[in-house]
Amino acid sequence: MQNELLQVLAIAAIIAPITTGFTELYKRYTPAEGKLLPVLSIGTGILLAGGWAVAFGHAALLGSYAFAGLLSGLAAVGVYQIVKPNQEAK
């Protein structure tokens, strides 16, 4: 159990910067704004982690990898919220 948890956290840590990059691309080159960006970020993280599981022959652990993708998407959303300019300060 502990080994699987460490594997999920490692995958999430590896995929999070990639997910953040895709979120930045969505933000710059699509009209998606507001509440849609976190959904796109989480979906991207899940797709990346699922692709990772299939590519490396871990299809049996697809649920665990999808959870890692969810974590990476949430991390990307957190980075987006920190970097996003504060509208109240203006």
PDB file of N, CA and C in Angstrom:
ATOM      1  N   MET A   1       0.824  -1.198   0.000  1.00  0.00           N
ATOM      2  CA  MET A   1       0.000   0.000   0.000  1.00  0.00           C
ATOM      3  C   MET A   1       0.868   1.263   0.000  1.00  0.00           C
ATOM      4  N   GLN A   2       1.885   1.272   0.828  1.00  0.00           N
ATOM      5  CA  GLN A   2       2.738   2.441   0.917  1.00  0.00           C
ATOM      6  C   GLN A   2       3.506   2.673  -0.387  1.00  0.00           C
ATOM      7  N   ASN A   3       3.939   1.594  -1.035  1.00  0.00           N
ATOM      8  CA  ASN A   3       4.660   1.708  -2.300  1.00  0.00           C
ATOM      9  C   ASN A   3       3.764   2.295  -3.391  1.00  0.00           C
ATOM     10  N   GLU A   4       2.506   1.862  -3.427  1.00  0.00           N
ATOM     11  CA  GLU A   4       1.562   2.385  -4.426  1.00  0.00           C
ATOM     12  C   GLU A   4       1.292   3.863  -4.201  1.00  0.00           C
ATOM     13  N   LEU A   5       1.178   4.272  -2.938  1.00  0.00           N
ATOM     14  CA  LEU A   5       0.936   5.679  -2.635  1.00  0.00           C
ATOM     15  C   LEU A   5       2.119   6.537  -3.062  1.00  0.00           C
ATOM     16  N   LEU A   6       3.326   6.061  -2.805  1.00  0.00           N
ATOM     17  CA  LEU A   6       4.510   6.793  -3.240  1.00  0.00           C
ATOM     18  C   LEU A   6       4.584   6.889  -4.759  1.00  0.00           C
ATOM     19  N   GLN A   7       4.176   5.822  -5.443  1.00  0.00           N
ATOM     20  CA  GLN A   7       4.172   5.826  -6.903  1.00  0.00           C
ATOM     21  C   GLN A   7       3.164   6.853  -7.430  1.00  0.00           C
ATOM     22  N   VAL A   8       1.995   6.911  -6.833  1.00  0.00           N
ATOM     23  CA  VAL A   8       0.974   7.881  -7.250  1.00  0.00           C
ATOM     24  C   VAL A   8       1.475   9.306  -7.040  1.00  0.00           C
ATOM     25  N   LEU A   9       2.092   9.568  -5.894  1.00  0.00           N
ATOM     26  CA  LEU A   9       2.601  10.913  -5.630  1.00  0.00           C
ATOM     27  C   LEU A   9       3.750  11.275  -6.562  1.00  0.00           C
ATOM     28  N   ALA A  10       4.583  10.306  -6.893  1.00  0.00           N
ATOM     29  CA  ALA A  10       5.689  10.572  -7.829  1.00  0.00           C
ATOM     30  C   ALA A  10       5.155  10.905  -9.216  1.00  0.00           C
ATOM     31  N   ILE A  11       4.174  10.152  -9.677  1.00  0.00           N
ATOM     32  CA  ILE A  11       3.580  10.411 -10.990  1.00  0.00           C
ATOM     33  C   ILE A  11       2.920  11.792 -10.996  1.00  0.00           C
ATOM     34  N   ALA A  12       2.208  12.129  -9.918  1.00  0.00           N
ATOM     35  CA  ALA A  12       1.558  13.437  -9.837  1.00  0.00           C
ATOM     36  C   ALA A  12       2.590  14.560  -9.864  1.00  0.00           C
ATOM     37  N   ALA A  13       3.710  14.354  -9.187  1.00  0.00           N
ATOM     38  CA  ALA A  13       4.749  15.383  -9.163  1.00  0.00           C
ATOM     39  C   ALA A  13       5.411  15.550 -10.529  1.00  0.00           C
ATOM     40  N   ILE A  14       5.526  14.475 -11.274  1.00  0.00           N
ATOM     41  CA  ILE A  14       6.138  14.543 -12.605  1.00  0.00           C
ATOM     42  C   ILE A  14       5.188  15.187 -13.615  1.00  0.00           C
ATOM     43  N   ILE A  15       3.920  14.856 -13.527  1.00  0.00           N
ATOM     44  CA  ILE A  15       2.943  15.326 -14.504  1.00  0.00           C
ATOM     45  C   ILE A  15       2.470  16.759 -14.210  1.00  0.00           C
ATOM     46  N   ALA A  16       2.567  17.217 -12.969  1.00  0.00           N
ATOM     47  CA  ALA A  16       2.053  18.542 -12.597  1.00  0.00           C
ATOM     48  C   ALA A  16       2.636  19.690 -13.422  1.00  0.00           C
ATOM     49  N   PRO A  17       3.954  19.753 -13.663  1.00  0.00           N
ATOM     50  CA  PRO A  17       4.458  20.860 -14.495  1.00  0.00           C
ATOM     51  C   PRO A  17       3.958  20.809 -15.936  1.00  0.00           C
ATOM     52  N   ILE A  18       3.776  19.605 -16.453  1.00  0.00           N
ATOM     53  CA  ILE A  18       3.251  19.467 -17.815  1.00  0.00           C
ATOM     54  C   ILE A  18       1.811  19.949 -17.856  1.00  0.00           C
ATOM     55  N   THR A  19       1.035  19.575 -16.848  1.00  0.00           N
ATOM     56  CA  THR A  19      -0.358  20.015 -16.765  1.00  0.00           C
ATOM     57  C   THR A  19      -0.431  21.533 -16.618  1.00  0.00           C
ATOM     58  N   THR A  20       0.478  22.096 -15.840  1.00  0.00           N
ATOM     59  CA  THR A  20       0.529  23.550 -15.686  1.00  0.00           C
ATOM     60  C   THR A  20       0.832  24.230 -17.022  1.00  0.00           C
ATOM     61  N   GLY A  21       1.720  23.636 -17.796  1.00  0.00           N
ATOM     62  CA  GLY A  21       2.024  24.173 -19.122  1.00  0.00           C
ATOM     63  C   GLY A  21       0.821  24.161 -20.042  1.00  0.00           C
ATOM     64  N   PHE A  22       0.076  23.055 -20.034  1.00  0.00           N
ATOM     65  CA  PHE A  22      -1.132  22.993 -20.855  1.00  0.00           C
ATOM     66  C   PHE A  22      -2.169  24.007 -20.378  1.00  0.00           C
ATOM     67  N   THR A  23      -2.269  24.202 -19.069  1.00  0.00           N
ATOM     68  CA  THR A  23      -3.206  25.201 -18.543  1.00  0.00           C
ATOM     69  C   THR A  23      -2.832  26.598 -19.028  1.00  0.00           C
ATOM     70  N   GLU A  24      -1.538  26.875 -19.055  1.00  0.00           N
ATOM     71  CA  GLU A  24      -1.080  28.171 -19.566  1.00  0.00           C
ATOM     72  C   GLU A  24      -1.413  28.317 -21.049  1.00  0.00           C
ATOM     73  N   LEU A  25      -1.249  27.243 -21.812  1.00  0.00           N
ATOM     74  CA  LEU A  25      -1.616  27.289 -23.233  1.00  0.00           C
ATOM     75  C   LEU A  25      -3.111  27.528 -23.409  1.00  0.00           C
ATOM     76  N   TYR A  26      -3.924  26.854 -22.595  1.00  0.00           N
ATOM     77  CA  TYR A  26      -5.373  27.074 -22.663  1.00  0.00           C
ATOM     78  C   TYR A  26      -5.688  28.532 -22.359  1.00  0.00           C
ATOM     79  N   LYS A  27      -5.010  29.068 -21.345  1.00  0.00           N
ATOM     80  CA  LYS A  27      -5.286  30.432 -20.922  1.00  0.00           C
ATOM     81  C   LYS A  27      -4.916  31.442 -22.006  1.00  0.00           C
ATOM     82  N   ARG A  28      -3.825  31.211 -22.699  1.00  0.00           N
ATOM     83  CA  ARG A  28      -3.356  32.174 -23.702  1.00  0.00           C
ATOM     84  C   ARG A  28      -4.039  32.048 -25.055  1.00  0.00           C
ATOM     85  N   TYR A  29      -4.312  30.812 -25.484  1.00  0.00           N
ATOM     86  CA  TYR A  29      -4.735  30.609 -26.869  1.00  0.00           C
ATOM     87  C   TYR A  29      -6.183  30.152 -27.041  1.00  0.00           C
ATOM     88  N   THR A  30      -6.945  30.078 -25.984  1.00  0.00           N
ATOM     89  CA  THR A  30      -8.362  29.747 -26.107  1.00  0.00           C
ATOM     90  C   THR A  30      -9.172  30.793 -25.357  1.00  0.00           C
ATOM     91  N   PRO A  31     -10.429  30.913 -25.688  1.00  0.00           N
ATOM     92  CA  PRO A  31     -11.260  31.878 -24.962  1.00  0.00           C
ATOM     93  C   PRO A  31     -11.736  31.358 -23.609  1.00  0.00           C
ATOM     94  N   ALA A  32     -11.234  30.202 -23.165  1.00  0.00           N
ATOM     95  CA  ALA A  32     -11.651  29.632 -21.892  1.00  0.00           C
ATOM     96  C   ALA A  32     -11.179  30.523 -20.745  1.00  0.00           C
ATOM     97  N   GLU A  33     -12.092  30.869 -19.855  1.00  0.00           N
ATOM     98  CA  GLU A  33     -11.772  31.709 -18.717  1.00  0.00           C
ATOM     99  C   GLU A  33     -12.552  31.229 -17.501  1.00  0.00           C
ATOM    100  N   GLY A  34     -12.193  31.751 -16.373  1.00  0.00           N
ATOM    101  CA  GLY A  34     -12.952  31.526 -15.151  1.00  0.00           C
ATOM    102  C   GLY A  34     -13.006  30.083 -14.717  1.00  0.00           C
ATOM    103  N   LYS A  35     -14.216  29.592 -14.567  1.00  0.00           N
ATOM    104  CA  LYS A  35     -14.434  28.261 -14.010  1.00  0.00           C
ATOM    105  C   LYS A  35     -14.074  27.138 -14.975  1.00  0.00           C
ATOM    106  N   LEU A  36     -13.900  27.434 -16.239  1.00  0.00           N
ATOM    107  CA  LEU A  36     -13.590  26.393 -17.213  1.00  0.00           C
ATOM    108  C   LEU A  36     -12.122  25.965 -17.159  1.00  0.00           C
ATOM    109  N   LEU A  37     -11.226  26.859 -16.811  1.00  0.00           N
ATOM    110  CA  LEU A  37      -9.798  26.519 -16.764  1.00  0.00           C
ATOM    111  C   LEU A  37      -9.466  25.432 -15.745  1.00  0.00           C
ATOM    112  N   PRO A  38     -10.004  25.461 -14.528  1.00  0.00           N
ATOM    113  CA  PRO A  38      -9.718  24.357 -13.614  1.00  0.00           C
ATOM    114  C   PRO A  38     -10.232  23.009 -14.117  1.00  0.00           C
ATOM    115  N   VAL A  39     -11.377  23.008 -14.760  1.00  0.00           N
ATOM    116  CA  VAL A  39     -11.917  21.762 -15.309  1.00  0.00           C
ATOM    117  C   VAL A  39     -11.012  21.231 -16.413  1.00  0.00           C
ATOM    118  N   LEU A  40     -10.549  22.119 -17.285  1.00  0.00           N
ATOM    119  CA  LEU A  40      -9.624  21.708 -18.345  1.00  0.00           C
ATOM    120  C   LEU A  40      -8.304  21.203 -17.765  1.00  0.00           C
ATOM    121  N   SER A  41      -7.831  21.850 -16.728  1.00  0.00           N
ATOM    122  CA  SER A  41      -6.577  21.452 -16.102  1.00  0.00           C
ATOM    123  C   SER A  41      -6.684  20.076 -15.456  1.00  0.00           C
ATOM    124  N   ILE A  42      -7.742  19.832 -14.733  1.00  0.00           N
ATOM    125  CA  ILE A  42      -7.940  18.531 -14.094  1.00  0.00           C
ATOM    126  C   ILE A  42      -8.131  17.447 -15.151  1.00  0.00           C
ATOM    127  N   GLY A  43      -8.912  17.736 -16.186  1.00  0.00           N
ATOM    128  CA  GLY A  43      -9.101  16.765 -17.273  1.00  0.00           C
ATOM    129  C   GLY A  43      -7.798  16.454 -17.988  1.00  0.00           C
ATOM    130  N   THR A  44      -6.980  17.470 -18.203  1.00  0.00           N
ATOM    131  CA  THR A  44      -5.678  17.258 -18.842  1.00  0.00           C
ATOM    132  C   THR A  44      -4.785  16.383 -17.973  1.00  0.00           C
ATOM    133  N   GLY A  45      -4.776  16.638 -16.681  1.00  0.00           N
ATOM    134  CA  GLY A  45      -3.973  15.828 -15.765  1.00  0.00           C
ATOM    135  C   GLY A  45      -4.398  14.369 -15.772  1.00  0.00           C
ATOM    136  N   ILE A  46      -5.701  14.124 -15.781  1.00  0.00           N
ATOM    137  CA  ILE A  46      -6.202  12.751 -15.802  1.00  0.00           C
ATOM    138  C   ILE A  46      -5.840  12.072 -17.118  1.00  0.00           C
ATOM    139  N   LEU A  47      -5.976  12.791 -18.228  1.00  0.00           N
ATOM    140  CA  LEU A  47      -5.611  12.208 -19.523  1.00  0.00           C
ATOM    141  C   LEU A  47      -4.120  11.914 -19.624  1.00  0.00           C
ATOM    142  N   LEU A  48      -3.285  12.817 -19.131  1.00  0.00           N
ATOM    143  CA  LEU A  48      -1.837  12.593 -19.163  1.00  0.00           C
ATOM    144  C   LEU A  48      -1.447  11.386 -18.309  1.00  0.00           C
ATOM    145  N   ALA A  49      -2.015  11.285 -17.124  1.00  0.00           N
ATOM    146  CA  ALA A  49      -1.694  10.165 -16.248  1.00  0.00           C
ATOM    147  C   ALA A  49      -2.224   8.852 -16.820  1.00  0.00           C
ATOM    148  N   GLY A  50      -3.408   8.881 -17.409  1.00  0.00           N
ATOM    149  CA  GLY A  50      -3.936   7.677 -18.053  1.00  0.00           C
ATOM    150  C   GLY A  50      -3.087   7.245 -19.223  1.00  0.00           C
ATOM    151  N   GLY A  51      -2.630   8.210 -20.008  1.00  0.00           N
ATOM    152  CA  GLY A  51      -1.720   7.900 -21.107  1.00  0.00           C
ATOM    153  C   GLY A  51      -0.407   7.328 -20.608  1.00  0.00           C
ATOM    154  N   TRP A  52       0.088   7.861 -19.499  1.00  0.00           N
ATOM    155  CA  TRP A  52       1.314   7.349 -18.885  1.00  0.00           C
ATOM    156  C   TRP A  52       1.123   5.884 -18.474  1.00  0.00           C
ATOM    157  N   ALA A  53      -0.019   5.573 -17.846  1.00  0.00           N
ATOM    158  CA  ALA A  53      -0.281   4.206 -17.391  1.00  0.00           C
ATOM    159  C   ALA A  53      -0.327   3.235 -18.560  1.00  0.00           C
ATOM    160  N   VAL A  54      -0.997   3.619 -19.626  1.00  0.00           N
ATOM    161  CA  VAL A  54      -1.112   2.742 -20.789  1.00  0.00           C
ATOM    162  C   VAL A  54       0.230   2.619 -21.506  1.00  0.00           C
ATOM    163  N   ALA A  55       0.959   3.709 -21.625  1.00  0.00           N
ATOM    164  CA  ALA A  55       2.231   3.699 -22.350  1.00  0.00           C
ATOM    165  C   ALA A  55       3.282   2.831 -21.660  1.00  0.00           C
ATOM    166  N   PHE A  56       3.260   2.786 -20.339  1.00  0.00           N
ATOM    167  CA  PHE A  56       4.260   2.025 -19.618  1.00  0.00           C
ATOM    168  C   PHE A  56       3.741   0.678 -19.115  1.00  0.00           C
ATOM    169  N   GLY A  57       2.605   0.236 -19.637  1.00  0.00           N
ATOM    170  CA  GLY A  57       2.097  -1.091 -19.338  1.00  0.00           C
ATOM    171  C   GLY A  57       1.501  -1.265 -17.948  1.00  0.00           C
ATOM    172  N   HIS A  58       0.969  -0.200 -17.377  1.00  0.00           N
ATOM    173  CA  HIS A  58       0.350  -0.283 -16.064  1.00  0.00           C
ATOM    174  C   HIS A  58      -1.159  -0.062 -16.161  1.00  0.00           C
ATOM    175  N   ALA A  59      -1.766  -0.664 -17.152  1.00  0.00           N
ATOM    176  CA  ALA A  59      -3.203  -0.457 -17.370  1.00  0.00           C
ATOM    177  C   ALA A  59      -4.034  -0.977 -16.201  1.00  0.00           C
ATOM    178  N   ALA A  60      -3.516  -1.945 -15.463  1.00  0.00           N
ATOM    179  CA  ALA A  60      -4.250  -2.475 -14.310  1.00  0.00           C
ATOM    180  C   ALA A  60      -4.353  -1.427 -13.194  1.00  0.00           C
ATOM    181  N   LEU A  61      -3.435  -0.488 -13.174  1.00  0.00           N
ATOM    182  CA  LEU A  61      -3.431   0.565 -12.156  1.00  0.00           C
ATOM    183  C   LEU A  61      -3.995   1.876 -12.689  1.00  0.00           C
ATOM    184  N   LEU A  62      -4.854   1.794 -13.682  1.00  0.00           N
ATOM    185  CA  LEU A  62      -5.378   2.995 -14.332  1.00  0.00           C
ATOM    186  C   LEU A  62      -6.103   3.914 -13.350  1.00  0.00           C
ATOM    187  N   GLY A  63      -6.824   3.345 -12.395  1.00  0.00           N
ATOM    188  CA  GLY A  63      -7.526   4.161 -11.403  1.00  0.00           C
ATOM    189  C   GLY A  63      -6.570   4.949 -10.528  1.00  0.00           C
ATOM    190  N   SER A  64      -5.492   4.314 -10.112  1.00  0.00           N
ATOM    191  CA  SER A  64      -4.486   5.001  -9.298  1.00  0.00           C
ATOM    192  C   SER A  64      -3.808   6.103 -10.093  1.00  0.00           C
ATOM    193  N   TYR A  65      -3.531   5.825 -11.344  1.00  0.00           N
ATOM    194  CA  TYR A  65      -2.899   6.831 -12.193  1.00  0.00           C
ATOM    195  C   TYR A  65      -3.868   7.982 -12.475  1.00  0.00           C
ATOM    196  N   ALA A  66      -5.140   7.680 -12.632  1.00  0.00           N
ATOM    197  CA  ALA A  66      -6.128   8.744 -12.830  1.00  0.00           C
ATOM    198  C   ALA A  66      -6.192   9.641 -11.592  1.00  0.00           C
ATOM    199  N   PHE A  67      -6.064   9.041 -10.413  1.00  0.00           N
ATOM    200  CA  PHE A  67      -6.027   9.831  -9.185  1.00  0.00           C
ATOM    201  C   PHE A  67      -4.786  10.727  -9.158  1.00  0.00           C
ATOM    202  N   ALA A  68      -3.655  10.196  -9.621  1.00  0.00           N
ATOM    203  CA  ALA A  68      -2.439  11.008  -9.721  1.00  0.00           C
ATOM    204  C   ALA A  68      -2.655  12.164 -10.693  1.00  0.00           C
ATOM    205  N   GLY A  69      -3.368  11.903 -11.789  1.00  0.00           N
ATOM    206  CA  GLY A  69      -3.693  12.975 -12.734  1.00  0.00           C
ATOM    207  C   GLY A  69      -4.591  14.024 -12.120  1.00  0.00           C
ATOM    208  N   LEU A  70      -5.537  13.582 -11.307  1.00  0.00           N
ATOM    209  CA  LEU A  70      -6.397  14.526 -10.597  1.00  0.00           C
ATOM    210  C   LEU A  70      -5.568  15.414  -9.682  1.00  0.00           C
ATOM    211  N   LEU A  71      -4.632  14.807  -8.957  1.00  0.00           N
ATOM    212  CA  LEU A  71      -3.757  15.590  -8.085  1.00  0.00           C
ATOM    213  C   LEU A  71      -2.909  16.587  -8.875  1.00  0.00           C
ATOM    214  N   SER A  72      -2.391  16.153 -10.025  1.00  0.00           N
ATOM    215  CA  SER A  72      -1.580  17.068 -10.824  1.00  0.00           C
ATOM    216  C   SER A  72      -2.431  18.196 -11.401  1.00  0.00           C
ATOM    217  N   GLY A  73      -3.656  17.901 -11.783  1.00  0.00           N
ATOM    218  CA  GLY A  73      -4.558  18.951 -12.262  1.00  0.00           C
ATOM    219  C   GLY A  73      -4.896  19.949 -11.172  1.00  0.00           C
ATOM    220  N   LEU A  74      -5.129  19.450  -9.962  1.00  0.00           N
ATOM    221  CA  LEU A  74      -5.401  20.351  -8.849  1.00  0.00           C
ATOM    222  C   LEU A  74      -4.176  21.197  -8.514  1.00  0.00           C
ATOM    223  N   ALA A  75      -3.000  20.612  -8.628  1.00  0.00           N
ATOM    224  CA  ALA A  75      -1.769  21.386  -8.405  1.00  0.00           C
ATOM    225  C   ALA A  75      -1.630  22.476  -9.452  1.00  0.00           C
ATOM    226  N   ALA A  76      -1.946  22.155 -10.685  1.00  0.00           N
ATOM    227  CA  ALA A  76      -1.870  23.158 -11.755  1.00  0.00           C
ATOM    228  C   ALA A  76      -2.881  24.271 -11.524  1.00  0.00           C
ATOM    229  N   VAL A  77      -4.058  23.937 -11.037  1.00  0.00           N
ATOM    230  CA  VAL A  77      -5.058  24.957 -10.732  1.00  0.00           C
ATOM    231  C   VAL A  77      -4.569  25.848  -9.607  1.00  0.00           C
ATOM    232  N   GLY A  78      -3.917  25.264  -8.618  1.00  0.00           N
ATOM    233  CA  GLY A  78      -3.376  26.057  -7.516  1.00  0.00           C
ATOM    234  C   GLY A  78      -2.313  27.018  -7.998  1.00  0.00           C
ATOM    235  N   VAL A  79      -1.449  26.578  -8.871  1.00  0.00           N
ATOM    236  CA  VAL A  79      -0.424  27.455  -9.436  1.00  0.00           C
ATOM    237  C   VAL A  79      -1.093  28.571 -10.241  1.00  0.00           C
ATOM    238  N   TYR A  80      -2.124  28.227 -10.999  1.00  0.00           N
ATOM    239  CA  TYR A  80      -2.839  29.241 -11.780  1.00  0.00           C
ATOM    240  C   TYR A  80      -3.476  30.277 -10.865  1.00  0.00           C
ATOM    241  N   GLN A  81      -4.067  29.842  -9.765  1.00  0.00           N
ATOM    242  CA  GLN A  81      -4.720  30.778  -8.852  1.00  0.00           C
ATOM    243  C   GLN A  81      -3.705  31.688  -8.166  1.00  0.00           C
ATOM    244  N   ILE A  82      -2.491  31.168  -7.902  1.00  0.00           N
ATOM    245  CA  ILE A  82      -1.463  31.993  -7.275  1.00  0.00           C
ATOM    246  C   ILE A  82      -0.935  33.032  -8.250  1.00  0.00           C
ATOM    247  N   VAL A  83      -0.727  32.622  -9.511  1.00  0.00           N
ATOM    248  CA  VAL A  83      -0.140  33.511 -10.516  1.00  0.00           C
ATOM    249  C   VAL A  83      -1.170  34.504 -11.051  1.00  0.00           C
ATOM    250  N   LYS A  84      -2.439  34.131 -11.033  1.00  0.00           N
ATOM    251  CA  LYS A  84      -3.503  34.980 -11.571  1.00  0.00           C
ATOM    252  C   LYS A  84      -3.501  36.339 -10.858  1.00  0.00           C
ATOM    253  N   PRO A  85      -3.560  37.402 -11.641  1.00  0.00           N
ATOM    254  CA  PRO A  85      -3.541  38.724 -11.009  1.00  0.00           C
ATOM    255  C   PRO A  85      -4.769  38.922 -10.117  1.00  0.00           C
ATOM    256  N   ASN A  86      -4.545  39.556  -9.020  1.00  0.00           N
ATOM    257  CA  ASN A  86      -5.622  39.817  -8.072  1.00  0.00           C
ATOM    258  C   ASN A  86      -6.450  40.998  -8.558  1.00  0.00           C
ATOM    259  N   GLN A  87      -7.703  40.739  -8.862  1.00  0.00           N
ATOM    260  CA  GLN A  87      -8.579  41.785  -9.408  1.00  0.00           C
ATOM    261  C   GLN A  87      -8.935  42.832  -8.349  1.00  0.00           C
ATOM    262  N   GLU A  88      -8.966  42.429  -7.071  1.00  0.00           N
ATOM    263  CA  GLU A  88      -9.329  43.376  -6.016  1.00  0.00           C
ATOM    264  C   GLU A  88      -8.224  44.395  -5.763  1.00  0.00           C
ATOM    265  N   ALA A  89      -6.985  44.043  -6.071  1.00  0.00           N
ATOM    266  CA  ALA A  89      -5.859  44.953  -5.819  1.00  0.00           C
ATOM    267  C   ALA A  89      -5.842  46.123  -6.788  1.00  0.00           C
ATOM    268  N   LYS A  90      -6.514  45.982  -7.910  1.00  0.00           N
ATOM    269  CA  LYS A  90      -6.488  47.046  -8.930  1.00  0.00           C
ATOM    270  C   LYS A  90      -7.435  48.148  -8.609  1.00  0.00           C
TER     271      LYS A  90
END
